[in-house]
Amino acid sequence: MSQWNTVCTIDDIIPATGVCALVNDKQVAIFRPRHDEQVFAISNIDPFFEASVLSRGLIAEHNGELWVASPLKKQRFRLRDGLCMEDESRSVEHYDVRVKDGQVQLRG
């Protein structure tokens, strides 16, 4: 059975941005798209360039879904599941994440 690991507080993530956390030796990009406590977590590694940059990408909405655009070549990854809009074979891992008592936690 996996457990929840606290990585930061919700206030550590400025709304409409992401942060990177190292969890079990994996770089995880955690996004807070709005001023509420909704958060998403995907791999921080851009699969097109093997660069640790997705947490610095731009959050956008398309067809009612939230996406992050890589800061390198702007490929888009859906926040809820890591699907790559431009090439599904380059999708990234997504992680279970929640906010509990103001703490952002990843299942690990």
C-alpha atoms as a PDB file:
ATOM      1  CA  MET A   1       0.000   0.000   0.000  1.00  0.00           C
ATOM      2  CA  SER A   2       1.444   3.357  -0.968  1.00  0.00           C
ATOM      3  CA  GLN A   3       1.486   6.362   1.286  1.00  0.00           C
ATOM      4  CA  TRP A   4       1.114  10.110   0.817  1.00  0.00           C
ATOM      5  CA  ASN A   5       4.318  12.168   0.994  1.00  0.00           C
ATOM      6  CA  THR A   6       4.196  15.887   1.796  1.00  0.00           C
ATOM      7  CA  VAL A   7       6.272  17.902  -0.672  1.00  0.00           C
ATOM      8  CA  CYS A   8       5.338  21.536   0.095  1.00  0.00           C
ATOM      9  CA  THR A   9       2.500  23.761   1.223  1.00  0.00           C
ATOM     10  CA  ILE A  10      -0.162  25.008  -1.170  1.00  0.00           C
ATOM     11  CA  ASP A  11       1.105  28.552  -0.498  1.00  0.00           C
ATOM     12  CA  ASP A  12       4.528  27.555  -1.873  1.00  0.00           C
ATOM     13  CA  ILE A  13       2.949  27.325  -5.345  1.00  0.00           C
ATOM     14  CA  ILE A  14       1.909  30.659  -6.828  1.00  0.00           C
ATOM     15  CA  PRO A  15      -1.409  30.295  -8.679  1.00  0.00           C
ATOM     16  CA  ALA A  16      -1.033  29.742 -12.452  1.00  0.00           C
ATOM     17  CA  THR A  17       2.470  28.280 -12.027  1.00  0.00           C
ATOM     18  CA  GLY A  18       4.270  25.049 -11.295  1.00  0.00           C
ATOM     19  CA  VAL A  19       7.116  23.894  -9.075  1.00  0.00           C
ATOM     20  CA  CYS A  20       9.476  20.935  -9.242  1.00  0.00           C
ATOM     21  CA  ALA A  21       9.891  18.414  -6.432  1.00  0.00           C
ATOM     22  CA  LEU A  22      12.211  15.436  -6.117  1.00  0.00           C
ATOM     23  CA  VAL A  23      10.099  12.486  -4.946  1.00  0.00           C
ATOM     24  CA  ASN A  24      11.633   9.004  -4.706  1.00  0.00           C
ATOM     25  CA  ASP A  25      14.429  10.070  -7.094  1.00  0.00           C
ATOM     26  CA  LYS A  26      11.937  11.319  -9.709  1.00  0.00           C
ATOM     27  CA  GLN A  27      11.489  14.939 -10.748  1.00  0.00           C
ATOM     28  CA  VAL A  28       7.802  15.790 -10.470  1.00  0.00           C
ATOM     29  CA  ALA A  29       6.202  18.978 -11.805  1.00  0.00           C
ATOM     30  CA  ILE A  30       3.354  20.125  -9.560  1.00  0.00           C
ATOM     31  CA  PHE A  31       0.930  22.702 -10.958  1.00  0.00           C
ATOM     32  CA  ARG A  32      -1.591  25.000  -9.308  1.00  0.00           C
ATOM     33  CA  PRO A  33      -3.613  26.429 -12.215  1.00  0.00           C
ATOM     34  CA  ARG A  34      -5.926  28.685 -10.204  1.00  0.00           C
ATOM     35  CA  HIS A  35      -6.281  30.468  -6.877  1.00  0.00           C
ATOM     36  CA  ASP A  36      -7.916  27.415  -5.294  1.00  0.00           C
ATOM     37  CA  GLU A  37      -6.385  24.188  -3.964  1.00  0.00           C
ATOM     38  CA  GLN A  38      -6.657  22.149  -7.166  1.00  0.00           C
ATOM     39  CA  VAL A  39      -3.242  20.702  -8.074  1.00  0.00           C
ATOM     40  CA  PHE A  40      -1.866  18.348 -10.721  1.00  0.00           C
ATOM     41  CA  ALA A  41       1.386  16.397 -10.918  1.00  0.00           C
ATOM     42  CA  ILE A  42       3.233  15.059 -13.958  1.00  0.00           C
ATOM     43  CA  SER A  43       6.828  14.200 -14.761  1.00  0.00           C
ATOM     44  CA  ASN A  44       9.092  17.249 -14.995  1.00  0.00           C
ATOM     45  CA  ILE A  45      11.074  15.708 -17.876  1.00  0.00           C
ATOM     46  CA  ASP A  46      10.260  16.941 -21.393  1.00  0.00           C
ATOM     47  CA  PRO A  47      10.345  13.669 -23.382  1.00  0.00           C
ATOM     48  CA  PHE A  48      11.288  15.424 -26.634  1.00  0.00           C
ATOM     49  CA  PHE A  49      14.552  16.808 -25.224  1.00  0.00           C
ATOM     50  CA  GLU A  50      15.097  14.846 -21.974  1.00  0.00           C
ATOM     51  CA  ALA A  51      15.268  18.203 -20.198  1.00  0.00           C
ATOM     52  CA  SER A  52      13.946  18.987 -16.703  1.00  0.00           C
ATOM     53  CA  VAL A  53      11.703  21.900 -17.684  1.00  0.00           C
ATOM     54  CA  LEU A  54       7.979  21.130 -17.625  1.00  0.00           C
ATOM     55  CA  SER A  55       7.425  22.763 -14.207  1.00  0.00           C
ATOM     56  CA  ARG A  56       8.391  26.065 -15.895  1.00  0.00           C
ATOM     57  CA  GLY A  57       5.880  25.654 -18.719  1.00  0.00           C
ATOM     58  CA  LEU A  58       2.828  27.785 -19.431  1.00  0.00           C
ATOM     59  CA  ILE A  59      -0.549  26.523 -18.223  1.00  0.00           C
ATOM     60  CA  ALA A  60      -3.363  26.865 -20.760  1.00  0.00           C
ATOM     61  CA  GLU A  61      -6.899  25.621 -21.262  1.00  0.00           C
ATOM     62  CA  HIS A  62      -7.993  23.870 -24.472  1.00  0.00           C
ATOM     63  CA  ASN A  63     -11.401  22.267 -25.036  1.00  0.00           C
ATOM     64  CA  GLY A  64     -12.145  22.411 -21.311  1.00  0.00           C
ATOM     65  CA  GLU A  65      -8.900  20.638 -20.323  1.00  0.00           C
ATOM     66  CA  LEU A  66      -5.824  22.092 -18.611  1.00  0.00           C
ATOM     67  CA  TRP A  67      -2.471  21.638 -20.364  1.00  0.00           C
ATOM     68  CA  VAL A  68       1.104  22.759 -19.817  1.00  0.00           C
ATOM     69  CA  ALA A  69       3.217  23.845 -22.779  1.00  0.00           C
ATOM     70  CA  SER A  70       6.884  22.938 -22.569  1.00  0.00           C
ATOM     71  CA  PRO A  71       9.090  26.034 -22.457  1.00  0.00           C
ATOM     72  CA  LEU A  72      11.348  24.492 -25.127  1.00  0.00           C
ATOM     73  CA  LYS A  73       9.266  23.770 -28.239  1.00  0.00           C
ATOM     74  CA  LYS A  74       5.771  24.247 -26.750  1.00  0.00           C
ATOM     75  CA  GLN A  75       4.542  20.649 -26.953  1.00  0.00           C
ATOM     76  CA  ARG A  76       1.481  20.404 -24.704  1.00  0.00           C
ATOM     77  CA  PHE A  77       0.872  17.881 -21.944  1.00  0.00           C
ATOM     78  CA  ARG A  78      -2.550  17.401 -20.329  1.00  0.00           C
ATOM     79  CA  LEU A  79      -2.300  17.997 -16.599  1.00  0.00           C
ATOM     80  CA  ARG A  80      -4.812  15.359 -15.502  1.00  0.00           C
ATOM     81  CA  ASP A  81      -3.005  12.443 -17.140  1.00  0.00           C
ATOM     82  CA  GLY A  82       0.212  13.562 -18.915  1.00  0.00           C
ATOM     83  CA  LEU A  83      -1.099  12.939 -22.456  1.00  0.00           C
ATOM     84  CA  CYS A  84       0.942  14.733 -25.131  1.00  0.00           C
ATOM     85  CA  MET A  85      -1.351  16.589 -27.540  1.00  0.00           C
ATOM     86  CA  GLU A  86       1.132  16.524 -30.416  1.00  0.00           C
ATOM     87  CA  ASP A  87       2.384  12.929 -30.082  1.00  0.00           C
ATOM     88  CA  GLU A  88       0.672  10.446 -27.740  1.00  0.00           C
ATOM     89  CA  SER A  89       3.761   8.222 -27.804  1.00  0.00           C
ATOM     90  CA  ARG A  90       5.630  11.020 -25.966  1.00  0.00           C
ATOM     91  CA  SER A  91       3.132  11.344 -23.101  1.00  0.00           C
ATOM     92  CA  VAL A  92       4.570  11.755 -19.591  1.00  0.00           C
ATOM     93  CA  GLU A  93       3.847  10.006 -16.315  1.00  0.00           C
ATOM     94  CA  HIS A  94       1.238  11.551 -14.061  1.00  0.00           C
ATOM     95  CA  TYR A  95       0.995  11.213 -10.279  1.00  0.00           C
ATOM     96  CA  ASP A  96      -1.778  11.175  -7.703  1.00  0.00           C
ATOM     97  CA  VAL A  97      -1.619  14.464  -5.804  1.00  0.00           C
ATOM     98  CA  ARG A  98      -3.826  16.133  -3.226  1.00  0.00           C
ATOM     99  CA  VAL A  99      -3.950  19.015  -0.773  1.00  0.00           C
ATOM    100  CA  LYS A 100      -4.645  18.051   2.819  1.00  0.00           C
ATOM    101  CA  ASP A 101      -4.625  20.639   5.603  1.00  0.00           C
ATOM    102  CA  GLY A 102      -2.739  23.040   3.334  1.00  0.00           C
ATOM    103  CA  GLN A 103      -0.041  20.452   2.529  1.00  0.00           C
ATOM    104  CA  VAL A 104       0.563  19.262  -1.056  1.00  0.00           C
ATOM    105  CA  GLN A 105       1.002  15.504  -0.989  1.00  0.00           C
ATOM    106  CA  LEU A 106       1.998  12.959  -3.635  1.00  0.00           C
ATOM    107  CA  ARG A 107       1.208   9.286  -3.451  1.00  0.00           C
ATOM    108  CA  GLY A 108       4.430   7.356  -3.482  1.00  0.00           C
END
